[in-house]
PDB file of all heavy atoms in Angstrom:
ATOM      1  N   ILE A   1      -4.715   4.966  -9.112  1.00  0.00           N
ATOM      2  CA  ILE A   1      -5.399   5.921  -8.227  1.00  0.00           C
ATOM      3  C   ILE A   1      -4.436   6.831  -7.575  1.00  0.00           C
ATOM      4  O   ILE A   1      -4.745   8.006  -7.161  1.00  0.00           O
ATOM      5  CB  ILE A   1      -6.278   5.174  -7.220  1.00  0.00           C
ATOM      6  CG1 ILE A   1      -7.360   6.123  -6.595  1.00  0.00           C
ATOM      7  CG2 ILE A   1      -5.397   4.718  -6.077  1.00  0.00           C
ATOM      8  CD1 ILE A   1      -8.412   6.471  -7.605  1.00  0.00           C
ATOM      9  N   GLY A   2      -3.169   6.549  -7.431  1.00  0.00           N
ATOM     10  CA  GLY A   2      -2.157   7.382  -6.841  1.00  0.00           C
ATOM     11  C   GLY A   2      -1.961   8.616  -7.645  1.00  0.00           C
ATOM     12  O   GLY A   2      -1.353   9.636  -7.054  1.00  0.00           O
ATOM     13  N   GLN A   3      -2.381   8.726  -8.873  1.00  0.00           N
ATOM     14  CA  GLN A   3      -2.252   9.949  -9.621  1.00  0.00           C
ATOM     15  C   GLN A   3      -3.028  11.071  -9.042  1.00  0.00           C
ATOM     16  O   GLN A   3      -2.662  12.252  -9.175  1.00  0.00           O
ATOM     17  CB  GLN A   3      -2.627   9.726 -11.062  1.00  0.00           C
ATOM     18  CG  GLN A   3      -1.772   8.685 -11.814  1.00  0.00           C
ATOM     19  CD  GLN A   3      -1.890   8.825 -13.372  1.00  0.00           C
ATOM     20  OE1 GLN A   3      -2.091   9.838 -13.890  1.00  0.00           O
ATOM     21  NE2 GLN A   3      -1.848   7.610 -13.973  1.00  0.00           N
ATOM     22  N   THR A   4      -4.184  10.749  -8.444  1.00  0.00           N
ATOM     23  CA  THR A   4      -4.986  11.814  -7.828  1.00  0.00           C
ATOM     24  C   THR A   4      -5.128  11.701  -6.349  1.00  0.00           C
ATOM     25  O   THR A   4      -5.509  12.580  -5.578  1.00  0.00           O
ATOM     26  CB  THR A   4      -6.428  11.791  -8.368  1.00  0.00           C
ATOM     27  OG1 THR A   4      -6.927  10.439  -8.319  1.00  0.00           O
ATOM     28  CG2 THR A   4      -6.357  12.206  -9.878  1.00  0.00           C
ATOM     29  N   VAL A   5      -4.831  10.497  -5.731  1.00  0.00           N
ATOM     30  CA  VAL A   5      -4.886  10.255  -4.281  1.00  0.00           C
ATOM     31  C   VAL A   5      -3.454  10.069  -3.750  1.00  0.00           C
ATOM     32  O   VAL A   5      -2.911   8.890  -3.745  1.00  0.00           O
ATOM     33  CB  VAL A   5      -5.776   9.031  -3.924  1.00  0.00           C
ATOM     34  CG1 VAL A   5      -5.946   8.887  -2.408  1.00  0.00           C
ATOM     35  CG2 VAL A   5      -7.176   9.197  -4.608  1.00  0.00           C
ATOM     36  N   HIS A   6      -2.814  11.202  -3.403  1.00  0.00           N
ATOM     37  CA  HIS A   6      -1.377  11.186  -3.213  1.00  0.00           C
ATOM     38  C   HIS A   6      -0.967  10.296  -1.926  1.00  0.00           C
ATOM     39  O   HIS A   6       0.173   9.878  -1.839  1.00  0.00           O
ATOM     40  CB  HIS A   6      -0.866  12.580  -3.053  1.00  0.00           C
ATOM     41  CG  HIS A   6      -0.835  13.320  -4.320  1.00  0.00           C
ATOM     42  ND1 HIS A   6      -0.165  14.523  -4.528  1.00  0.00           N
ATOM     43  CD2 HIS A   6      -1.485  13.096  -5.513  1.00  0.00           C
ATOM     44  CE1 HIS A   6      -0.352  14.949  -5.793  1.00  0.00           C
ATOM     45  NE2 HIS A   6      -1.134  14.122  -6.408  1.00  0.00           N
ATOM     46  N   GLU A   7      -1.900  10.170  -1.001  1.00  0.00           N
ATOM     47  CA  GLU A   7      -1.534   9.445   0.250  1.00  0.00           C
ATOM     48  C   GLU A   7      -1.311   7.929  -0.027  1.00  0.00           C
ATOM     49  O   GLU A   7      -0.873   7.233   0.853  1.00  0.00           O
ATOM     50  CB  GLU A   7      -2.566   9.663   1.400  1.00  0.00           C
ATOM     51  CG  GLU A   7      -3.977   9.299   1.013  1.00  0.00           C
ATOM     52  CD  GLU A   7      -4.802  10.503   0.478  1.00  0.00           C
ATOM     53  OE1 GLU A   7      -4.200  11.314  -0.271  1.00  0.00           O
ATOM     54  OE2 GLU A   7      -5.995  10.558   0.801  1.00  0.00           O
ATOM     55  N   LEU A   8      -1.761   7.527  -1.225  1.00  0.00           N
ATOM     56  CA  LEU A   8      -1.494   6.128  -1.584  1.00  0.00           C
ATOM     57  C   LEU A   8      -0.199   5.927  -2.348  1.00  0.00           C
ATOM     58  O   LEU A   8       0.002   4.810  -2.913  1.00  0.00           O
ATOM     59  CB  LEU A   8      -2.720   5.585  -2.403  1.00  0.00           C
ATOM     60  CG  LEU A   8      -3.979   5.357  -1.544  1.00  0.00           C
ATOM     61  CD1 LEU A   8      -5.061   4.825  -2.461  1.00  0.00           C
ATOM     62  CD2 LEU A   8      -3.826   4.590  -0.285  1.00  0.00           C
ATOM     63  N   ARG A   9       0.629   6.899  -2.380  1.00  0.00           N
ATOM     64  CA  ARG A   9       1.932   6.843  -3.001  1.00  0.00           C
ATOM     65  C   ARG A   9       2.917   6.336  -1.931  1.00  0.00           C
ATOM     66  O   ARG A   9       2.808   6.736  -0.797  1.00  0.00           O
ATOM     67  CB  ARG A   9       2.417   8.126  -3.644  1.00  0.00           C
ATOM     68  CG  ARG A   9       1.463   8.681  -4.723  1.00  0.00           C
ATOM     69  CD  ARG A   9       2.093   9.906  -5.395  1.00  0.00           C
ATOM     70  NE  ARG A   9       1.084  10.411  -6.296  1.00  0.00           N
ATOM     71  CZ  ARG A   9       1.409  11.396  -7.295  1.00  0.00           C
ATOM     72  NH1 ARG A   9       2.647  11.699  -7.435  1.00  0.00           N
ATOM     73  NH2 ARG A   9       0.453  11.857  -7.986  1.00  0.00           N
ATOM     74  N   MET A  10       3.815   5.500  -2.353  1.00  0.00           N
ATOM     75  CA  MET A  10       4.799   4.849  -1.417  1.00  0.00           C
ATOM     76  C   MET A  10       6.255   5.108  -1.679  1.00  0.00           C
ATOM     77  O   MET A  10       7.061   4.502  -0.923  1.00  0.00           O
ATOM     78  CB  MET A  10       4.499   3.342  -1.377  1.00  0.00           C
ATOM     79  CG  MET A  10       3.108   2.953  -0.959  1.00  0.00           C
ATOM     80  SD  MET A  10       2.715   1.253  -1.138  1.00  0.00           S
ATOM     81  CE  MET A  10       2.187   1.197  -2.859  1.00  0.00           C
ATOM     82  N   GLY A  11       6.583   5.894  -2.608  1.00  0.00           N
ATOM     83  CA  GLY A  11       7.988   6.154  -3.020  1.00  0.00           C
ATOM     84  C   GLY A  11       8.107   6.476  -4.448  1.00  0.00           C
ATOM     85  O   GLY A  11       7.072   6.711  -5.091  1.00  0.00           O
ATOM     86  N   ASN A  12       9.326   6.481  -4.937  1.00  0.00           N
ATOM     87  CA  ASN A  12       9.590   6.765  -6.345  1.00  0.00           C
ATOM     88  C   ASN A  12      10.706   5.905  -6.878  1.00  0.00           C
ATOM     89  O   ASN A  12      11.738   5.665  -6.158  1.00  0.00           O
ATOM     90  CB  ASN A  12      10.026   8.279  -6.482  1.00  0.00           C
ATOM     91  CG  ASN A  12      10.158   8.651  -7.972  1.00  0.00           C
ATOM     92  OD1 ASN A  12      11.133   8.354  -8.624  1.00  0.00           O
ATOM     93  ND2 ASN A  12       9.120   9.331  -8.490  1.00  0.00           N
ATOM     94  N   LEU A  13      10.530   5.310  -7.961  1.00  0.00           N
ATOM     95  CA  LEU A  13      11.453   4.305  -8.459  1.00  0.00           C
ATOM     96  C   LEU A  13      12.878   4.831  -8.774  1.00  0.00           C
ATOM     97  O   LEU A  13      13.839   4.141  -8.814  1.00  0.00           O
ATOM     98  CB  LEU A  13      10.921   3.523  -9.677  1.00  0.00           C
ATOM     99  CG  LEU A  13      10.633   4.298 -10.967  1.00  0.00           C
ATOM    100  CD1 LEU A  13      11.863   4.552 -11.854  1.00  0.00           C
ATOM    101  CD2 LEU A  13       9.636   3.517 -11.842  1.00  0.00           C
ATOM    102  N   VAL A  14      12.993   6.128  -8.940  1.00  0.00           N
ATOM    103  CA  VAL A  14      14.328   6.755  -9.165  1.00  0.00           C
ATOM    104  C   VAL A  14      15.117   6.719  -7.940  1.00  0.00           C
ATOM    105  O   VAL A  14      16.371   6.513  -7.984  1.00  0.00           O
ATOM    106  CB  VAL A  14      14.110   8.207  -9.618  1.00  0.00           C
ATOM    107  CG1 VAL A  14      15.585   8.891  -9.706  1.00  0.00           C
ATOM    108  CG2 VAL A  14      13.418   8.256 -11.054  1.00  0.00           C
ATOM    109  N   ARG A  15      14.537   6.886  -6.754  1.00  0.00           N
ATOM    110  CA  ARG A  15      15.284   6.916  -5.480  1.00  0.00           C
ATOM    111  C   ARG A  15      15.071   5.738  -4.589  1.00  0.00           C
ATOM    112  O   ARG A  15      15.818   5.533  -3.551  1.00  0.00           O
ATOM    113  CB  ARG A  15      14.991   8.233  -4.700  1.00  0.00           C
ATOM    114  CG  ARG A  15      13.538   8.366  -4.309  1.00  0.00           C
ATOM    115  CD  ARG A  15      13.227   9.572  -3.486  1.00  0.00           C
ATOM    116  NE  ARG A  15      11.904   9.639  -3.030  1.00  0.00           N
ATOM    117  CZ  ARG A  15      10.896  10.231  -3.672  1.00  0.00           C
ATOM    118  NH1 ARG A  15      11.140  10.788  -4.826  1.00  0.00           N
ATOM    119  NH2 ARG A  15       9.671  10.200  -3.237  1.00  0.00           N
ATOM    120  N   ASP A  16      14.045   4.940  -4.836  1.00  0.00           N
ATOM    121  CA  ASP A  16      13.616   3.802  -3.931  1.00  0.00           C
ATOM    122  C   ASP A  16      13.753   2.519  -4.534  1.00  0.00           C
ATOM    123  O   ASP A  16      13.499   2.424  -5.768  1.00  0.00           O
ATOM    124  CB  ASP A  16      12.206   4.108  -3.387  1.00  0.00           C
ATOM    125  CG  ASP A  16      12.025   5.417  -2.570  1.00  0.00           C
ATOM    126  OD1 ASP A  16      12.819   5.637  -1.672  1.00  0.00           O
ATOM    127  OD2 ASP A  16      11.141   6.216  -2.965  1.00  0.00           O
ATOM    128  N   SER A  17      13.949   1.477  -3.781  1.00  0.00           N
ATOM    129  CA  SER A  17      14.068   0.121  -4.239  1.00  0.00           C
ATOM    130  C   SER A  17      12.616  -0.483  -4.259  1.00  0.00           C
ATOM    131  O   SER A  17      11.913  -0.375  -3.344  1.00  0.00           O
ATOM    132  CB  SER A  17      14.912  -0.689  -3.312  1.00  0.00           C
ATOM    133  OG  SER A  17      14.696  -2.052  -3.456  1.00  0.00           O
ATOM    134  N   ILE A  18      12.264  -1.068  -5.375  1.00  0.00           N
ATOM    135  CA  ILE A  18      11.042  -1.832  -5.494  1.00  0.00           C
ATOM    136  C   ILE A  18      10.934  -2.899  -4.413  1.00  0.00           C
ATOM    137  O   ILE A  18       9.877  -3.083  -3.760  1.00  0.00           O
ATOM    138  CB  ILE A  18      10.862  -2.449  -6.881  1.00  0.00           C
ATOM    139  CG1 ILE A  18      10.570  -1.379  -7.920  1.00  0.00           C
ATOM    140  CG2 ILE A  18       9.745  -3.550  -6.858  1.00  0.00           C
ATOM    141  CD1 ILE A  18       9.158  -0.865  -7.902  1.00  0.00           C
ATOM    142  N   GLY A  19      12.030  -3.584  -4.177  1.00  0.00           N
ATOM    143  CA  GLY A  19      12.042  -4.620  -3.185  1.00  0.00           C
ATOM    144  C   GLY A  19      11.772  -4.104  -1.805  1.00  0.00           C
ATOM    145  O   GLY A  19      11.013  -4.705  -1.034  1.00  0.00           O
ATOM    146  N   GLU A  20      12.386  -2.996  -1.416  1.00  0.00           N
ATOM    147  CA  GLU A  20      12.177  -2.335  -0.161  1.00  0.00           C
ATOM    148  C   GLU A  20      10.771  -1.982   0.029  1.00  0.00           C
ATOM    149  O   GLU A  20      10.133  -2.206   1.136  1.00  0.00           O
ATOM    150  CB  GLU A  20      13.068  -1.158   0.020  1.00  0.00           C
ATOM    151  CG  GLU A  20      12.933  -0.388   1.363  1.00  0.00           C
ATOM    152  CD  GLU A  20      13.397  -1.192   2.505  1.00  0.00           C
ATOM    153  OE1 GLU A  20      14.214  -2.146   2.391  1.00  0.00           O
ATOM    154  OE2 GLU A  20      12.931  -0.831   3.596  1.00  0.00           O
ATOM    155  N   ILE A  21      10.159  -1.336  -0.914  1.00  0.00           N
ATOM    156  CA  ILE A  21       8.756  -0.958  -0.891  1.00  0.00           C
ATOM    157  C   ILE A  21       7.886  -2.134  -0.776  1.00  0.00           C
ATOM    158  O   ILE A  21       6.960  -2.209   0.065  1.00  0.00           O
ATOM    159  CB  ILE A  21       8.349  -0.033  -2.014  1.00  0.00           C
ATOM    160  CG1 ILE A  21       9.061   1.320  -1.953  1.00  0.00           C
ATOM    161  CG2 ILE A  21       6.883   0.149  -2.158  1.00  0.00           C
ATOM    162  CD1 ILE A  21       8.923   2.201  -3.135  1.00  0.00           C
ATOM    163  N   TRP A  22       8.134  -3.141  -1.540  1.00  0.00           N
ATOM    164  CA  TRP A  22       7.321  -4.318  -1.575  1.00  0.00           C
ATOM    165  C   TRP A  22       7.294  -5.099  -0.269  1.00  0.00           C
ATOM    166  O   TRP A  22       6.244  -5.500   0.263  1.00  0.00           O
ATOM    167  CB  TRP A  22       7.709  -5.277  -2.651  1.00  0.00           C
ATOM    168  CG  TRP A  22       6.689  -6.405  -2.871  1.00  0.00           C
ATOM    169  CD1 TRP A  22       7.037  -7.743  -2.596  1.00  0.00           C
ATOM    170  CD2 TRP A  22       5.346  -6.436  -3.286  1.00  0.00           C
ATOM    171  NE1 TRP A  22       5.876  -8.501  -2.897  1.00  0.00           N
ATOM    172  CE2 TRP A  22       4.899  -7.736  -3.316  1.00  0.00           C
ATOM    173  CE3 TRP A  22       4.516  -5.402  -3.707  1.00  0.00           C
ATOM    174  CZ2 TRP A  22       3.613  -8.103  -3.660  1.00  0.00           C
ATOM    175  CZ3 TRP A  22       3.196  -5.701  -4.124  1.00  0.00           C
ATOM    176  CH2 TRP A  22       2.834  -6.974  -4.088  1.00  0.00           C
ATOM    177  N   GLN A  23       8.395  -5.071   0.346  1.00  0.00           N
ATOM    178  CA  GLN A  23       8.577  -5.826   1.630  1.00  0.00           C
ATOM    179  C   GLN A  23       8.119  -5.044   2.857  1.00  0.00           C
ATOM    180  O   GLN A  23       7.584  -5.526   3.903  1.00  0.00           O
ATOM    181  CB  GLN A  23      10.023  -6.224   1.827  1.00  0.00           C
ATOM    182  CG  GLN A  23      10.600  -7.148   0.826  1.00  0.00           C
ATOM    183  CD  GLN A  23      10.162  -8.601   1.041  1.00  0.00           C
ATOM    184  OE1 GLN A  23       9.225  -8.980   1.563  1.00  0.00           O
ATOM    185  NE2 GLN A  23      11.011  -9.513   0.568  1.00  0.00           N
ATOM    186  N   ASN A  24       8.300  -3.668   2.803  1.00  0.00           N
ATOM    187  CA  ASN A  24       8.193  -2.866   4.074  1.00  0.00           C
ATOM    188  C   ASN A  24       7.230  -1.749   3.995  1.00  0.00           C
ATOM    189  O   ASN A  24       7.067  -0.978   5.064  1.00  0.00           O
ATOM    190  CB  ASN A  24       9.614  -2.302   4.383  1.00  0.00           C
ATOM    191  CG  ASN A  24      10.555  -3.419   4.648  1.00  0.00           C
ATOM    192  OD1 ASN A  24      10.260  -4.342   5.397  1.00  0.00           O
ATOM    193  ND2 ASN A  24      11.728  -3.336   4.076  1.00  0.00           N
ATOM    194  N   SER A  25       6.503  -1.459   2.886  1.00  0.00           N
ATOM    195  CA  SER A  25       5.545  -0.341   2.853  1.00  0.00           C
ATOM    196  C   SER A  25       4.458  -0.587   3.941  1.00  0.00           C
ATOM    197  O   SER A  25       3.777  -1.646   3.965  1.00  0.00           O
ATOM    198  CB  SER A  25       4.931  -0.257   1.531  1.00  0.00           C
ATOM    199  OG  SER A  25       3.644   0.517   1.606  1.00  0.00           O
ATOM    200  N   PRO A  26       4.227   0.401   4.833  1.00  0.00           N
ATOM    201  CA  PRO A  26       3.126   0.280   5.794  1.00  0.00           C
ATOM    202  C   PRO A  26       1.729  -0.020   5.156  1.00  0.00           C
ATOM    203  O   PRO A  26       0.913  -0.751   5.705  1.00  0.00           O
ATOM    204  CB  PRO A  26       3.142   1.588   6.546  1.00  0.00           C
ATOM    205  CG  PRO A  26       4.545   2.062   6.351  1.00  0.00           C
ATOM    206  CD  PRO A  26       4.974   1.695   5.009  1.00  0.00           C
ATOM    207  N   ILE A  27       1.544   0.636   3.983  1.00  0.00           N
ATOM    208  CA  ILE A  27       0.241   0.446   3.329  1.00  0.00           C
ATOM    209  C   ILE A  27       0.014  -0.973   2.938  1.00  0.00           C
ATOM    210  O   ILE A  27      -1.007  -1.621   3.183  1.00  0.00           O
ATOM    211  CB  ILE A  27       0.089   1.364   2.104  1.00  0.00           C
ATOM    212  CG1 ILE A  27       0.005   2.838   2.525  1.00  0.00           C
ATOM    213  CG2 ILE A  27      -1.108   1.004   1.258  1.00  0.00           C
ATOM    214  CD1 ILE A  27       0.068   3.857   1.373  1.00  0.00           C
ATOM    215  N   LEU A  28       1.118  -1.600   2.250  1.00  0.00           N
ATOM    216  CA  LEU A  28       1.048  -2.930   1.767  1.00  0.00           C
ATOM    217  C   LEU A  28       0.902  -3.981   2.944  1.00  0.00           C
ATOM    218  O   LEU A  28       0.225  -4.947   2.919  1.00  0.00           O
ATOM    219  CB  LEU A  28       2.198  -3.181   0.946  1.00  0.00           C
ATOM    220  CG  LEU A  28       2.394  -2.415  -0.420  1.00  0.00           C
ATOM    221  CD1 LEU A  28       3.524  -2.895  -1.182  1.00  0.00           C
ATOM    222  CD2 LEU A  28       1.106  -2.488  -1.246  1.00  0.00           C
ATOM    223  N   LYS A  29       1.699  -3.625   4.055  1.00  0.00           N
ATOM    224  CA  LYS A  29       1.700  -4.499   5.201  1.00  0.00           C
ATOM    225  C   LYS A  29       0.280  -4.592   5.800  1.00  0.00           C
ATOM    226  O   LYS A  29      -0.271  -5.624   6.204  1.00  0.00           O
ATOM    227  CB  LYS A  29       2.668  -4.085   6.229  1.00  0.00           C
ATOM    228  CG  LYS A  29       4.087  -4.457   5.948  1.00  0.00           C
ATOM    229  CD  LYS A  29       4.988  -4.036   7.141  1.00  0.00           C
ATOM    230  CE  LYS A  29       6.448  -4.559   6.898  1.00  0.00           C
ATOM    231  NZ  LYS A  29       7.327  -4.287   8.035  1.00  0.00           N
ATOM    232  N   ASP A  30      -0.342  -3.434   5.831  1.00  0.00           N
ATOM    233  CA  ASP A  30      -1.647  -3.310   6.431  1.00  0.00           C
ATOM    234  C   ASP A  30      -2.695  -4.083   5.662  1.00  0.00           C
ATOM    235  O   ASP A  30      -3.528  -4.834   6.098  1.00  0.00           O
ATOM    236  CB  ASP A  30      -2.106  -1.819   6.575  1.00  0.00           C
ATOM    237  CG  ASP A  30      -3.347  -1.693   7.416  1.00  0.00           C
ATOM    238  OD1 ASP A  30      -3.412  -2.248   8.544  1.00  0.00           O
ATOM    239  OD2 ASP A  30      -4.277  -1.019   6.897  1.00  0.00           O
ATOM    240  N   LEU A  31      -2.650  -3.903   4.219  1.00  0.00           N
ATOM    241  CA  LEU A  31      -3.549  -4.630   3.384  1.00  0.00           C
ATOM    242  C   LEU A  31      -3.380  -6.116   3.534  1.00  0.00           C
ATOM    243  O   LEU A  31      -4.361  -6.910   3.598  1.00  0.00           O
ATOM    244  CB  LEU A  31      -3.357  -4.188   1.870  1.00  0.00           C
ATOM    245  CG  LEU A  31      -3.815  -2.836   1.556  1.00  0.00           C
ATOM    246  CD1 LEU A  31      -3.297  -2.430   0.105  1.00  0.00           C
ATOM    247  CD2 LEU A  31      -5.391  -2.804   1.505  1.00  0.00           C
ATOM    248  N   ARG A  32      -2.141  -6.647   3.576  1.00  0.00           N
ATOM    249  CA  ARG A  32      -1.904  -8.098   3.627  1.00  0.00           C
ATOM    250  C   ARG A  32      -2.420  -8.638   4.971  1.00  0.00           C
ATOM    251  O   ARG A  32      -2.914  -9.806   4.972  1.00  0.00           O
ATOM    252  CB  ARG A  32      -0.410  -8.353   3.504  1.00  0.00           C
ATOM    253  CG  ARG A  32       0.186  -8.009   2.174  1.00  0.00           C
ATOM    254  CD  ARG A  32       1.679  -7.929   2.163  1.00  0.00           C
ATOM    255  NE  ARG A  32       2.112  -7.514   0.898  1.00  0.00           N
ATOM    256  CZ  ARG A  32       3.409  -7.002   0.673  1.00  0.00           C
ATOM    257  NH1 ARG A  32       4.225  -6.913   1.666  1.00  0.00           N
ATOM    258  NH2 ARG A  32       3.787  -6.609  -0.521  1.00  0.00           N
ATOM    259  N   ALA A  33      -2.342  -7.886   6.003  1.00  0.00           N
ATOM    260  CA  ALA A  33      -2.721  -8.329   7.351  1.00  0.00           C
ATOM    261  C   ALA A  33      -4.227  -8.247   7.490  1.00  0.00           C
ATOM    262  O   ALA A  33      -4.837  -8.909   8.395  1.00  0.00           O
ATOM    263  CB  ALA A  33      -2.115  -7.599   8.432  1.00  0.00           C
ATOM    264  N   SER A  34      -4.932  -7.406   6.649  1.00  0.00           N
ATOM    265  CA  SER A  34      -6.307  -6.976   7.001  1.00  0.00           C
ATOM    266  C   SER A  34      -7.381  -7.465   5.974  1.00  0.00           C
ATOM    267  O   SER A  34      -8.566  -7.385   6.249  1.00  0.00           O
ATOM    268  CB  SER A  34      -6.320  -5.533   7.122  1.00  0.00           C
ATOM    269  OG  SER A  34      -5.439  -5.041   8.081  1.00  0.00           O
ATOM    270  N   LEU A  35      -6.941  -7.881   4.794  1.00  0.00           N
ATOM    271  CA  LEU A  35      -7.955  -8.341   3.814  1.00  0.00           C
ATOM    272  C   LEU A  35      -8.106  -9.865   3.832  1.00  0.00           C
ATOM    273  O   LEU A  35      -7.104 -10.606   3.857  1.00  0.00           O
ATOM    274  CB  LEU A  35      -7.509  -7.907   2.357  1.00  0.00           C
ATOM    275  CG  LEU A  35      -7.700  -6.459   2.069  1.00  0.00           C
ATOM    276  CD1 LEU A  35      -7.153  -6.168   0.624  1.00  0.00           C
ATOM    277  CD2 LEU A  35      -9.151  -6.002   2.078  1.00  0.00           C
ATOM    278  N   PRO A  36      -9.359 -10.304   3.896  1.00  0.00           N
ATOM    279  CA  PRO A  36     -10.623  -9.604   3.919  1.00  0.00           C
ATOM    280  C   PRO A  36     -11.182  -9.276   5.295  1.00  0.00           C
ATOM    281  O   PRO A  36     -12.269  -8.869   5.405  1.00  0.00           O
ATOM    282  CB  PRO A  36     -11.516 -10.522   3.081  1.00  0.00           C
ATOM    283  CG  PRO A  36     -11.103 -11.860   3.527  1.00  0.00           C
ATOM    284  CD  PRO A  36      -9.633 -11.742   3.676  1.00  0.00           C
ATOM    285  N   GLY A  37     -10.380  -9.691   6.347  1.00  0.00           N
ATOM    286  CA  GLY A  37     -10.968  -9.660   7.646  1.00  0.00           C
ATOM    287  C   GLY A  37     -11.538  -8.326   8.132  1.00  0.00           C
ATOM    288  O   GLY A  37     -12.535  -8.317   8.919  1.00  0.00           O
ATOM    289  N   ARG A  38     -10.924  -7.216   7.750  1.00  0.00           N
ATOM    290  CA  ARG A  38     -11.379  -5.880   8.152  1.00  0.00           C
ATOM    291  C   ARG A  38     -12.394  -5.234   7.277  1.00  0.00           C
ATOM    292  O   ARG A  38     -12.723  -4.077   7.395  1.00  0.00           O
ATOM    293  CB  ARG A  38     -10.195  -5.007   8.429  1.00  0.00           C
ATOM    294  CG  ARG A  38      -9.431  -5.278   9.697  1.00  0.00           C
ATOM    295  CD  ARG A  38      -8.189  -4.426   9.814  1.00  0.00           C
ATOM    296  NE  ARG A  38      -8.512  -3.006   9.730  1.00  0.00           N
ATOM    297  CZ  ARG A  38      -7.595  -1.996   9.653  1.00  0.00           C
ATOM    298  NH1 ARG A  38      -6.315  -2.318   9.550  1.00  0.00           N
ATOM    299  NH2 ARG A  38      -7.943  -0.727   9.624  1.00  0.00           N
ATOM    300  N   LEU A  39     -12.838  -5.906   6.222  1.00  0.00           N
ATOM    301  CA  LEU A  39     -13.869  -5.345   5.349  1.00  0.00           C
ATOM    302  C   LEU A  39     -15.086  -4.950   6.090  1.00  0.00           C
ATOM    303  O   LEU A  39     -15.547  -5.604   7.008  1.00  0.00           O
ATOM    304  CB  LEU A  39     -14.166  -6.281   4.217  1.00  0.00           C
ATOM    305  CG  LEU A  39     -13.101  -6.499   3.147  1.00  0.00           C
ATOM    306  CD1 LEU A  39     -13.481  -7.590   2.171  1.00  0.00           C
ATOM    307  CD2 LEU A  39     -12.800  -5.232   2.378  1.00  0.00           C
ATOM    308  N   LYS A  40     -15.693  -3.849   5.635  1.00  0.00           N
ATOM    309  CA  LYS A  40     -16.882  -3.327   6.348  1.00  0.00           C
ATOM    310  C   LYS A  40     -18.150  -3.394   5.525  1.00  0.00           C
ATOM    311  O   LYS A  40     -18.056  -3.730   4.298  1.00  0.00           O
ATOM    312  CB  LYS A  40     -16.695  -1.859   6.780  1.00  0.00           C
ATOM    313  CG  LYS A  40     -15.496  -1.677   7.666  1.00  0.00           C
ATOM    314  CD  LYS A  40     -15.193  -0.194   7.949  1.00  0.00           C
ATOM    315  CE  LYS A  40     -13.923  -0.012   8.815  1.00  0.00           C
ATOM    316  NZ  LYS A  40     -13.600   1.417   9.073  1.00  0.00           N
ATOM    317  N   GLY A  41     -19.271  -3.140   6.138  1.00  0.00           N
ATOM    318  CA  GLY A  41     -20.593  -3.111   5.368  1.00  0.00           C
ATOM    319  C   GLY A  41     -20.869  -4.403   4.726  1.00  0.00           C
ATOM    320  O   GLY A  41     -20.599  -5.484   5.272  1.00  0.00           O
ATOM    321  N   ILE A  42     -21.457  -4.310   3.526  1.00  0.00           N
ATOM    322  CA  ILE A  42     -21.934  -5.546   2.834  1.00  0.00           C
ATOM    323  C   ILE A  42     -20.734  -6.452   2.487  1.00  0.00           C
ATOM    324  O   ILE A  42     -20.858  -7.621   2.424  1.00  0.00           O
ATOM    325  CB  ILE A  42     -22.767  -5.167   1.588  1.00  0.00           C
ATOM    326  CG1 ILE A  42     -23.389  -6.407   0.920  1.00  0.00           C
ATOM    327  CG2 ILE A  42     -21.967  -4.375   0.587  1.00  0.00           C
ATOM    328  CD1 ILE A  42     -24.167  -7.292   1.852  1.00  0.00           C
ATOM    329  N   CYS A  43     -19.576  -5.824   2.207  1.00  0.00           N
ATOM    330  CA  CYS A  43     -18.410  -6.635   1.838  1.00  0.00           C
ATOM    331  C   CYS A  43     -17.979  -7.583   2.926  1.00  0.00           C
ATOM    332  O   CYS A  43     -17.562  -8.727   2.694  1.00  0.00           O
ATOM    333  CB  CYS A  43     -17.227  -5.728   1.455  1.00  0.00           C
ATOM    334  SG  CYS A  43     -17.467  -4.826  -0.074  1.00  0.00           S
TER     335      CYS A  43
END
């Protein structure tokens, strides 16, 4: 989905470490802390 939704991109493998992104990306941290507790609506 990052191909069309740019705000879900977290870096680039040419300049960034996969390990650094996996451990420290704010998007990933938020998902790990929030699923499924913050799901809304019928979910």
